[in-house]
Amino acid sequence: SRPRPRPALAPPQPQAPGTEPQMAQVNRTWAVAAALAVLVAGAAAFVPQRPPPMTAARRGLGGVTPLRGMVLTEENVENVLAEARDALGTLFGYEESNKDVGITGKVDFVELDGPSVVVRLTGRFWHDTPTVMMRVESYIQERIPEVVEVVMSEDSTVEK
C-alpha cells in the first residue's frame, strides 16, 4: 500500500527515531509561519480605508446614477462648471486675490453638442488656453463620464 500524502499546510511528522530535535525546529518554524499568516490576514481587516472622494453624488447634486457618475444634462454641466470655478479657483478670475493681479478669466456653459460640451472662455487667465481647457475638460469628465470632449466656443475672447 502507498503512503498517503500529507496535507500541504500540515506540519511534518517525525520519520525516524532520533530526529526529534530537527523536527522540533521544523515544527517551530511551521508554527511561526502559520502565526504570521494569521496575523497578516487579521491585520488586513484593521487597515484604515480611504474615504470615498467627494463626488457630486455625495454633495447632493441631482441626476446622479450610483455607478456611472452624473447623467449628461445641461443642468448637470452647469452645476459641475460651478464646482469647477471653486475647485480650480486659481485658473479663473472669480476670487478677489486673482483680480488683484489681473486674472479675470471666466468659463461659461454655452451648449451641449451631442456628447460634447461647448464652453466660452473670456478674460485673462494665469495659464495658457490649452492648459485651462484641459483642466476644465478633465474636471467635467471625472464627474460626467458621458462627456466625450469639452470644446471652446468660437466667440471666446481670451486676453493675452
N, C-alpha and C. Protein backbone atom coordinates (compact mmCIF):
# COMPACT_ATOMS: atom_id res chain seq x y z
N SER A 1 0.84 -1.17 0.00
CA SER A 1 0.00 0.00 0.00
C SER A 1 0.89 1.25 0.00
N ARG A 2 0.44 2.28 -0.68
CA ARG A 2 1.20 3.52 -0.79
C ARG A 2 0.93 4.41 0.42
N PRO A 3 1.92 5.14 0.86
CA PRO A 3 1.67 6.07 1.96
C PRO A 3 0.78 7.22 1.48
N ARG A 4 -0.09 7.68 2.35
CA ARG A 4 -0.98 8.78 2.00
C ARG A 4 -0.20 10.10 2.01
N PRO A 5 -0.45 10.94 1.04
CA PRO A 5 0.27 12.22 1.03
C PRO A 5 -0.21 13.10 2.18
N ARG A 6 0.71 13.91 2.72
CA ARG A 6 0.35 14.82 3.80
C ARG A 6 -0.36 16.04 3.23
N PRO A 7 -1.28 16.64 4.00
CA PRO A 7 -1.88 17.91 3.55
C PRO A 7 -0.79 18.97 3.43
N ALA A 8 -1.00 19.92 2.54
CA ALA A 8 0.03 20.91 2.24
C ALA A 8 0.38 21.78 3.44
N LEU A 9 -0.57 22.12 4.30
CA LEU A 9 -0.30 23.03 5.40
C LEU A 9 -0.05 22.32 6.72
N ALA A 10 -0.11 21.02 6.75
CA ALA A 10 0.11 20.29 8.00
C ALA A 10 1.60 20.27 8.32
N PRO A 11 1.95 20.38 9.63
CA PRO A 11 3.37 20.31 9.97
C PRO A 11 3.90 18.92 9.69
N PRO A 12 5.18 18.80 9.30
CA PRO A 12 5.74 17.49 9.00
C PRO A 12 5.79 16.64 10.28
N GLN A 13 5.64 15.35 10.10
CA GLN A 13 5.68 14.40 11.21
C GLN A 13 7.07 13.74 11.24
N PRO A 14 7.57 13.38 12.45
CA PRO A 14 8.87 12.71 12.52
C PRO A 14 8.85 11.42 11.73
N GLN A 15 9.91 11.16 10.98
CA GLN A 15 10.00 9.98 10.14
C GLN A 15 10.74 8.83 10.84
N ALA A 16 11.74 9.16 11.61
CA ALA A 16 12.56 8.10 12.21
C ALA A 16 12.93 8.49 13.63
N PRO A 17 13.19 7.49 14.48
CA PRO A 17 13.61 7.81 15.85
C PRO A 17 14.94 8.58 15.81
N GLY A 18 15.09 9.48 16.77
CA GLY A 18 16.33 10.24 16.86
C GLY A 18 16.30 11.54 16.08
N THR A 19 15.21 11.85 15.39
CA THR A 19 15.14 13.10 14.61
C THR A 19 14.30 14.14 15.33
N GLU A 20 13.97 13.92 16.58
CA GLU A 20 13.12 14.85 17.32
C GLU A 20 13.69 16.27 17.39
N PRO A 21 15.00 16.48 17.65
CA PRO A 21 15.49 17.86 17.71
C PRO A 21 15.31 18.59 16.38
N GLN A 22 15.58 17.92 15.26
CA GLN A 22 15.37 18.55 13.96
C GLN A 22 13.89 18.83 13.75
N MET A 23 13.07 17.87 14.09
CA MET A 23 11.64 18.03 13.88
C MET A 23 11.08 19.14 14.78
N ALA A 24 11.61 19.31 15.96
CA ALA A 24 11.17 20.40 16.84
C ALA A 24 11.43 21.74 16.16
N GLN A 25 12.60 21.87 15.53
CA GLN A 25 12.93 23.11 14.81
C GLN A 25 11.97 23.32 13.64
N VAL A 26 11.70 22.24 12.88
CA VAL A 26 10.78 22.33 11.74
C VAL A 26 9.39 22.70 12.24
N ASN A 27 8.93 22.08 13.31
CA ASN A 27 7.60 22.38 13.86
C ASN A 27 7.54 23.82 14.35
N ARG A 28 8.60 24.30 14.98
CA ARG A 28 8.63 25.68 15.46
C ARG A 28 8.58 26.65 14.27
N THR A 29 9.33 26.36 13.22
CA THR A 29 9.31 27.20 12.02
C THR A 29 7.93 27.21 11.39
N TRP A 30 7.32 26.04 11.33
CA TRP A 30 5.97 25.96 10.76
C TRP A 30 4.99 26.74 11.61
N ALA A 31 5.10 26.66 12.92
CA ALA A 31 4.19 27.37 13.83
C ALA A 31 4.35 28.88 13.67
N VAL A 32 5.59 29.34 13.54
CA VAL A 32 5.82 30.77 13.35
C VAL A 32 5.23 31.23 12.03
N ALA A 33 5.41 30.45 10.97
CA ALA A 33 4.86 30.81 9.66
C ALA A 33 3.34 30.85 9.71
N ALA A 34 2.74 29.88 10.37
CA ALA A 34 1.28 29.85 10.48
C ALA A 34 0.78 31.04 11.28
N ALA A 35 1.46 31.38 12.39
CA ALA A 35 1.06 32.51 13.21
C ALA A 35 1.19 33.81 12.43
N LEU A 36 2.25 33.94 11.67
CA LEU A 36 2.45 35.13 10.85
C LEU A 36 1.35 35.27 9.81
N ALA A 37 0.98 34.16 9.17
CA ALA A 37 -0.10 34.20 8.17
C ALA A 37 -1.40 34.64 8.81
N VAL A 38 -1.71 34.15 10.00
CA VAL A 38 -2.93 34.53 10.71
C VAL A 38 -2.87 36.01 11.08
N LEU A 39 -1.71 36.46 11.54
CA LEU A 39 -1.54 37.85 11.92
C LEU A 39 -1.75 38.78 10.73
N VAL A 40 -1.14 38.45 9.61
CA VAL A 40 -1.27 39.28 8.41
C VAL A 40 -2.71 39.30 7.93
N ALA A 41 -3.35 38.15 7.91
CA ALA A 41 -4.75 38.08 7.46
C ALA A 41 -5.65 38.88 8.38
N GLY A 42 -5.39 38.81 9.68
CA GLY A 42 -6.21 39.56 10.63
C GLY A 42 -5.94 41.04 10.57
N ALA A 43 -4.69 41.43 10.34
CA ALA A 43 -4.34 42.84 10.29
C ALA A 43 -4.96 43.53 9.10
N ALA A 44 -5.18 42.80 8.02
CA ALA A 44 -5.78 43.40 6.83
C ALA A 44 -7.16 43.95 7.13
N ALA A 45 -7.85 43.34 8.08
CA ALA A 45 -9.19 43.81 8.42
C ALA A 45 -9.14 45.15 9.15
N PHE A 46 -7.98 45.50 9.73
CA PHE A 46 -7.87 46.73 10.50
C PHE A 46 -7.16 47.85 9.77
N VAL A 47 -6.83 47.66 8.51
CA VAL A 47 -6.19 48.71 7.73
C VAL A 47 -7.22 49.81 7.48
N PRO A 48 -6.90 51.04 7.85
CA PRO A 48 -7.88 52.10 7.64
C PRO A 48 -8.16 52.30 6.15
N GLN A 49 -9.40 52.43 5.82
CA GLN A 49 -9.80 52.62 4.43
C GLN A 49 -9.88 54.11 4.13
N ARG A 50 -9.44 54.49 2.94
CA ARG A 50 -9.54 55.86 2.50
C ARG A 50 -10.99 56.20 2.25
N PRO A 51 -11.47 57.36 2.70
CA PRO A 51 -12.86 57.69 2.43
C PRO A 51 -13.06 57.90 0.94
N PRO A 52 -14.26 57.62 0.45
CA PRO A 52 -14.50 57.83 -0.97
C PRO A 52 -14.35 59.31 -1.33
N PRO A 53 -13.98 59.61 -2.57
CA PRO A 53 -13.80 61.01 -2.95
C PRO A 53 -15.12 61.78 -2.86
N MET A 54 -15.01 63.07 -2.64
CA MET A 54 -16.20 63.91 -2.56
C MET A 54 -16.74 64.10 -3.97
N THR A 55 -17.73 63.32 -4.30
CA THR A 55 -18.30 63.36 -5.64
C THR A 55 -19.56 64.21 -5.63
N ALA A 56 -20.05 64.48 -6.80
CA ALA A 56 -21.29 65.24 -6.92
C ALA A 56 -22.43 64.51 -6.22
N ALA A 57 -22.41 63.19 -6.26
CA ALA A 57 -23.47 62.41 -5.61
C ALA A 57 -23.45 62.64 -4.11
N ARG A 58 -22.27 62.70 -3.50
CA ARG A 58 -22.18 62.91 -2.06
C ARG A 58 -22.49 64.34 -1.69
N ARG A 59 -22.35 65.29 -2.64
CA ARG A 59 -22.70 66.68 -2.36
C ARG A 59 -24.18 66.93 -2.52
N GLY A 60 -24.91 65.96 -3.05
CA GLY A 60 -26.35 66.09 -3.16
C GLY A 60 -26.82 66.72 -4.46
N LEU A 61 -26.00 66.76 -5.49
CA LEU A 61 -26.46 67.30 -6.76
C LEU A 61 -27.34 66.28 -7.46
N GLY A 62 -28.30 66.72 -8.21
CA GLY A 62 -29.26 65.81 -8.84
C GLY A 62 -28.71 65.11 -10.06
N GLY A 63 -29.48 64.14 -10.56
CA GLY A 63 -29.15 63.46 -11.79
C GLY A 63 -28.01 62.48 -11.68
N VAL A 64 -27.81 61.92 -10.51
CA VAL A 64 -26.67 61.04 -10.30
C VAL A 64 -27.11 59.58 -10.41
N THR A 65 -26.36 58.82 -11.16
CA THR A 65 -26.56 57.38 -11.15
C THR A 65 -25.43 56.79 -10.35
N PRO A 66 -25.68 55.87 -9.42
CA PRO A 66 -24.68 55.45 -8.45
C PRO A 66 -23.38 54.93 -9.03
N LEU A 67 -23.39 54.18 -10.13
CA LEU A 67 -22.18 53.55 -10.61
C LEU A 67 -21.49 54.32 -11.73
N ARG A 68 -22.18 55.25 -12.36
CA ARG A 68 -21.61 55.87 -13.56
C ARG A 68 -21.34 57.35 -13.41
N GLY A 69 -21.62 57.98 -12.30
CA GLY A 69 -21.45 59.42 -12.19
C GLY A 69 -22.73 60.12 -12.57
N MET A 70 -22.60 61.38 -12.91
CA MET A 70 -23.78 62.18 -13.24
C MET A 70 -24.20 61.93 -14.69
N VAL A 71 -25.49 62.11 -14.92
CA VAL A 71 -26.06 61.97 -16.25
C VAL A 71 -25.75 63.26 -17.02
N LEU A 72 -25.52 63.14 -18.30
CA LEU A 72 -25.20 64.30 -19.14
C LEU A 72 -26.47 65.09 -19.43
N THR A 73 -26.64 66.18 -18.70
CA THR A 73 -27.74 67.13 -18.95
C THR A 73 -27.15 68.53 -18.84
N GLU A 74 -27.86 69.51 -19.41
CA GLU A 74 -27.38 70.89 -19.33
C GLU A 74 -27.28 71.35 -17.88
N GLU A 75 -28.27 70.99 -17.08
CA GLU A 75 -28.27 71.39 -15.67
C GLU A 75 -27.06 70.81 -14.93
N ASN A 76 -26.76 69.54 -15.18
CA ASN A 76 -25.61 68.93 -14.51
C ASN A 76 -24.30 69.54 -14.97
N VAL A 77 -24.18 69.86 -16.25
CA VAL A 77 -22.96 70.50 -16.74
C VAL A 77 -22.79 71.87 -16.08
N GLU A 78 -23.88 72.63 -15.97
CA GLU A 78 -23.80 73.94 -15.32
C GLU A 78 -23.41 73.80 -13.85
N ASN A 79 -23.95 72.78 -13.16
CA ASN A 79 -23.59 72.54 -11.76
C ASN A 79 -22.11 72.17 -11.63
N VAL A 80 -21.63 71.31 -12.53
CA VAL A 80 -20.23 70.90 -12.48
C VAL A 80 -19.32 72.08 -12.79
N LEU A 81 -19.70 72.93 -13.73
CA LEU A 81 -18.89 74.12 -14.02
C LEU A 81 -18.84 75.05 -12.81
N ALA A 82 -19.95 75.16 -12.08
CA ALA A 82 -19.96 75.98 -10.86
C ALA A 82 -18.99 75.40 -9.84
N GLU A 83 -18.96 74.09 -9.71
CA GLU A 83 -18.00 73.43 -8.82
C GLU A 83 -16.57 73.69 -9.30
N ALA A 84 -16.37 73.61 -10.61
CA ALA A 84 -15.02 73.80 -11.18
C ALA A 84 -14.51 75.21 -10.88
N ARG A 85 -15.39 76.18 -10.91
CA ARG A 85 -14.97 77.56 -10.62
C ARG A 85 -14.39 77.65 -9.21
N ASP A 86 -14.99 76.91 -8.27
CA ASP A 86 -14.47 76.91 -6.89
C ASP A 86 -13.21 76.05 -6.77
N ALA A 87 -13.27 74.82 -7.30
CA ALA A 87 -12.18 73.87 -7.14
C ALA A 87 -10.92 74.31 -7.91
N LEU A 88 -11.10 74.88 -9.07
CA LEU A 88 -9.97 75.32 -9.90
C LEU A 88 -9.81 76.84 -9.82
N GLY A 89 -10.09 77.39 -8.67
CA GLY A 89 -10.16 78.83 -8.47
C GLY A 89 -8.96 79.61 -8.97
N THR A 90 -7.76 79.05 -8.88
CA THR A 90 -6.59 79.81 -9.31
C THR A 90 -6.54 79.99 -10.82
N LEU A 91 -7.33 79.21 -11.56
CA LEU A 91 -7.35 79.38 -13.02
C LEU A 91 -8.19 80.58 -13.44
N PHE A 92 -9.18 80.91 -12.64
CA PHE A 92 -10.18 81.88 -13.05
C PHE A 92 -10.09 83.17 -12.23
N GLY A 93 -10.83 84.18 -12.67
CA GLY A 93 -10.83 85.47 -12.00
C GLY A 93 -12.04 85.68 -11.12
N TYR A 94 -12.54 84.65 -10.47
CA TYR A 94 -13.72 84.79 -9.63
C TYR A 94 -13.36 85.24 -8.21
N GLU A 95 -12.11 85.10 -7.81
CA GLU A 95 -11.69 85.49 -6.46
C GLU A 95 -11.00 86.85 -6.51
N GLU A 96 -11.16 87.62 -5.44
CA GLU A 96 -10.57 88.95 -5.39
C GLU A 96 -9.05 88.91 -5.53
N SER A 97 -8.42 87.89 -4.92
CA SER A 97 -6.95 87.81 -5.00
C SER A 97 -6.48 87.63 -6.44
N ASN A 98 -7.27 86.93 -7.25
CA ASN A 98 -6.92 86.76 -8.67
C ASN A 98 -7.13 88.06 -9.44
N LYS A 99 -8.21 88.75 -9.14
CA LYS A 99 -8.49 90.01 -9.83
C LYS A 99 -7.42 91.06 -9.53
N ASP A 100 -6.88 91.00 -8.29
CA ASP A 100 -5.85 91.96 -7.90
C ASP A 100 -4.59 91.85 -8.75
N VAL A 101 -4.31 90.67 -9.30
CA VAL A 101 -3.12 90.50 -10.14
C VAL A 101 -3.48 90.43 -11.63
N GLY A 102 -4.69 90.81 -11.97
CA GLY A 102 -5.07 90.91 -13.38
C GLY A 102 -5.66 89.64 -13.98
N ILE A 103 -5.96 88.64 -13.18
CA ILE A 103 -6.58 87.41 -13.69
C ILE A 103 -8.09 87.63 -13.66
N THR A 104 -8.68 87.70 -14.85
CA THR A 104 -10.12 87.99 -14.94
C THR A 104 -10.88 86.89 -15.68
N GLY A 105 -10.24 85.75 -15.90
CA GLY A 105 -10.81 84.69 -16.71
C GLY A 105 -12.10 84.11 -16.15
N LYS A 106 -13.00 83.81 -17.07
CA LYS A 106 -14.27 83.19 -16.71
C LYS A 106 -14.57 82.07 -17.70
N VAL A 107 -15.30 81.06 -17.21
CA VAL A 107 -15.74 79.96 -18.07
C VAL A 107 -17.25 79.86 -17.92
N ASP A 108 -17.95 79.80 -19.05
CA ASP A 108 -19.41 79.72 -19.05
C ASP A 108 -19.87 78.61 -19.97
N PHE A 109 -20.96 77.97 -19.59
CA PHE A 109 -21.57 76.93 -20.41
C PHE A 109 -22.28 77.59 -21.59
N VAL A 110 -22.10 77.04 -22.80
CA VAL A 110 -22.77 77.55 -23.99
C VAL A 110 -23.86 76.57 -24.41
N GLU A 111 -23.47 75.31 -24.69
CA GLU A 111 -24.45 74.32 -25.15
C GLU A 111 -23.88 72.92 -25.08
N LEU A 112 -24.78 71.95 -25.24
CA LEU A 112 -24.39 70.56 -25.44
C LEU A 112 -24.49 70.28 -26.92
N ASP A 113 -23.47 69.67 -27.47
CA ASP A 113 -23.48 69.27 -28.87
C ASP A 113 -23.25 67.76 -28.88
N GLY A 114 -24.35 67.01 -28.68
CA GLY A 114 -24.24 65.56 -28.50
C GLY A 114 -23.50 65.29 -27.20
N PRO A 115 -22.46 64.46 -27.24
CA PRO A 115 -21.70 64.19 -26.02
C PRO A 115 -20.57 65.20 -25.77
N SER A 116 -20.58 66.30 -26.54
CA SER A 116 -19.57 67.34 -26.37
C SER A 116 -20.16 68.54 -25.63
N VAL A 117 -19.36 69.13 -24.77
CA VAL A 117 -19.78 70.32 -24.03
C VAL A 117 -19.05 71.51 -24.64
N VAL A 118 -19.79 72.56 -24.96
CA VAL A 118 -19.20 73.77 -25.52
C VAL A 118 -19.19 74.83 -24.41
N VAL A 119 -18.00 75.40 -24.15
CA VAL A 119 -17.87 76.44 -23.13
C VAL A 119 -17.27 77.69 -23.75
N ARG A 120 -17.51 78.81 -23.10
CA ARG A 120 -16.96 80.08 -23.55
C ARG A 120 -15.95 80.55 -22.52
N LEU A 121 -14.74 80.85 -22.97
CA LEU A 121 -13.73 81.43 -22.10
C LEU A 121 -13.61 82.91 -22.41
N THR A 122 -13.59 83.73 -21.38
CA THR A 122 -13.42 85.17 -21.56
C THR A 122 -12.44 85.68 -20.51
N GLY A 123 -11.75 86.74 -20.83
CA GLY A 123 -10.85 87.38 -19.88
C GLY A 123 -9.43 86.87 -19.97
N ARG A 124 -8.66 87.17 -18.93
CA ARG A 124 -7.24 86.81 -18.88
C ARG A 124 -7.05 85.69 -17.85
N PHE A 125 -6.27 84.68 -18.26
CA PHE A 125 -6.01 83.52 -17.40
C PHE A 125 -4.54 83.49 -17.03
N TRP A 126 -4.25 82.90 -15.87
CA TRP A 126 -2.87 82.74 -15.43
C TRP A 126 -2.14 81.76 -16.34
N HIS A 127 -2.85 80.68 -16.73
CA HIS A 127 -2.28 79.64 -17.58
C HIS A 127 -2.68 79.87 -19.03
N ASP A 128 -1.99 79.19 -19.94
CA ASP A 128 -2.34 79.32 -21.35
C ASP A 128 -3.68 78.61 -21.62
N THR A 129 -4.31 78.96 -22.72
CA THR A 129 -5.65 78.46 -23.04
C THR A 129 -5.72 76.94 -23.12
N PRO A 130 -4.77 76.24 -23.77
CA PRO A 130 -4.86 74.77 -23.80
C PRO A 130 -4.84 74.14 -22.40
N THR A 131 -4.05 74.71 -21.49
CA THR A 131 -3.99 74.18 -20.13
C THR A 131 -5.32 74.39 -19.41
N VAL A 132 -5.90 75.56 -19.56
CA VAL A 132 -7.20 75.85 -18.94
C VAL A 132 -8.26 74.89 -19.47
N MET A 133 -8.29 74.71 -20.79
CA MET A 133 -9.28 73.80 -21.39
C MET A 133 -9.06 72.36 -20.92
N MET A 134 -7.80 71.93 -20.82
CA MET A 134 -7.51 70.57 -20.38
C MET A 134 -8.00 70.36 -18.94
N ARG A 135 -7.77 71.33 -18.06
CA ARG A 135 -8.19 71.20 -16.67
C ARG A 135 -9.71 71.20 -16.55
N VAL A 136 -10.38 72.07 -17.30
CA VAL A 136 -11.84 72.12 -17.27
C VAL A 136 -12.42 70.82 -17.82
N GLU A 137 -11.89 70.35 -18.94
CA GLU A 137 -12.37 69.10 -19.54
C GLU A 137 -12.19 67.93 -18.58
N SER A 138 -11.03 67.84 -17.97
CA SER A 138 -10.76 66.75 -17.03
C SER A 138 -11.73 66.80 -15.85
N TYR A 139 -11.98 67.99 -15.33
CA TYR A 139 -12.88 68.15 -14.19
C TYR A 139 -14.30 67.70 -14.56
N ILE A 140 -14.77 68.11 -15.73
CA ILE A 140 -16.12 67.74 -16.16
C ILE A 140 -16.22 66.24 -16.42
N GLN A 141 -15.23 65.68 -17.13
CA GLN A 141 -15.29 64.25 -17.48
C GLN A 141 -15.20 63.35 -16.27
N GLU A 142 -14.52 63.77 -15.21
CA GLU A 142 -14.47 62.97 -13.99
C GLU A 142 -15.85 62.85 -13.36
N ARG A 143 -16.66 63.87 -13.50
CA ARG A 143 -17.97 63.89 -12.86
C ARG A 143 -19.10 63.47 -13.77
N ILE A 144 -18.90 63.65 -15.08
CA ILE A 144 -19.91 63.24 -16.07
C ILE A 144 -19.19 62.42 -17.13
N PRO A 145 -19.05 61.11 -16.92
CA PRO A 145 -18.27 60.28 -17.83
C PRO A 145 -18.79 60.23 -19.26
N GLU A 146 -20.05 60.56 -19.48
CA GLU A 146 -20.61 60.54 -20.83
C GLU A 146 -20.01 61.61 -21.73
N VAL A 147 -19.40 62.64 -21.13
CA VAL A 147 -18.82 63.74 -21.91
C VAL A 147 -17.60 63.23 -22.65
N VAL A 148 -17.62 63.37 -23.98
CA VAL A 148 -16.53 62.92 -24.83
C VAL A 148 -15.44 63.97 -24.91
N GLU A 149 -15.85 65.24 -25.01
CA GLU A 149 -14.87 66.32 -25.09
C GLU A 149 -15.51 67.62 -24.64
N VAL A 150 -14.66 68.57 -24.27
CA VAL A 150 -15.09 69.92 -23.94
C VAL A 150 -14.37 70.83 -24.92
N VAL A 151 -15.14 71.59 -25.67
CA VAL A 151 -14.56 72.46 -26.70
C VAL A 151 -14.87 73.92 -26.39
N MET A 152 -14.00 74.78 -26.87
CA MET A 152 -14.16 76.22 -26.66
C MET A 152 -15.01 76.80 -27.79
N SER A 153 -15.96 77.63 -27.44
CA SER A 153 -16.82 78.24 -28.46
C SER A 153 -16.04 79.22 -29.30
N GLU A 154 -16.54 79.49 -30.49
CA GLU A 154 -15.86 80.41 -31.40
C GLU A 154 -15.89 81.84 -30.92
N ASP A 155 -16.85 82.18 -30.07
CA ASP A 155 -16.95 83.56 -29.60
C ASP A 155 -16.20 83.78 -28.28
N SER A 156 -15.31 82.88 -27.92
CA SER A 156 -14.49 83.07 -26.72
C SER A 156 -13.51 84.20 -26.95
N THR A 157 -13.30 85.02 -25.93
CA THR A 157 -12.37 86.15 -26.05
C THR A 157 -11.36 86.07 -24.91
N VAL A 158 -10.28 85.38 -25.17
CA VAL A 158 -9.22 85.21 -24.17
C VAL A 158 -8.16 86.26 -24.41
N GLU A 159 -7.85 87.00 -23.35
CA GLU A 159 -6.81 88.05 -23.44
C GLU A 159 -5.45 87.42 -23.20
N LYS A 160 -4.43 88.00 -23.80
CA LYS A 160 -3.05 87.52 -23.61
C LYS A 160 -2.35 88.32 -22.56
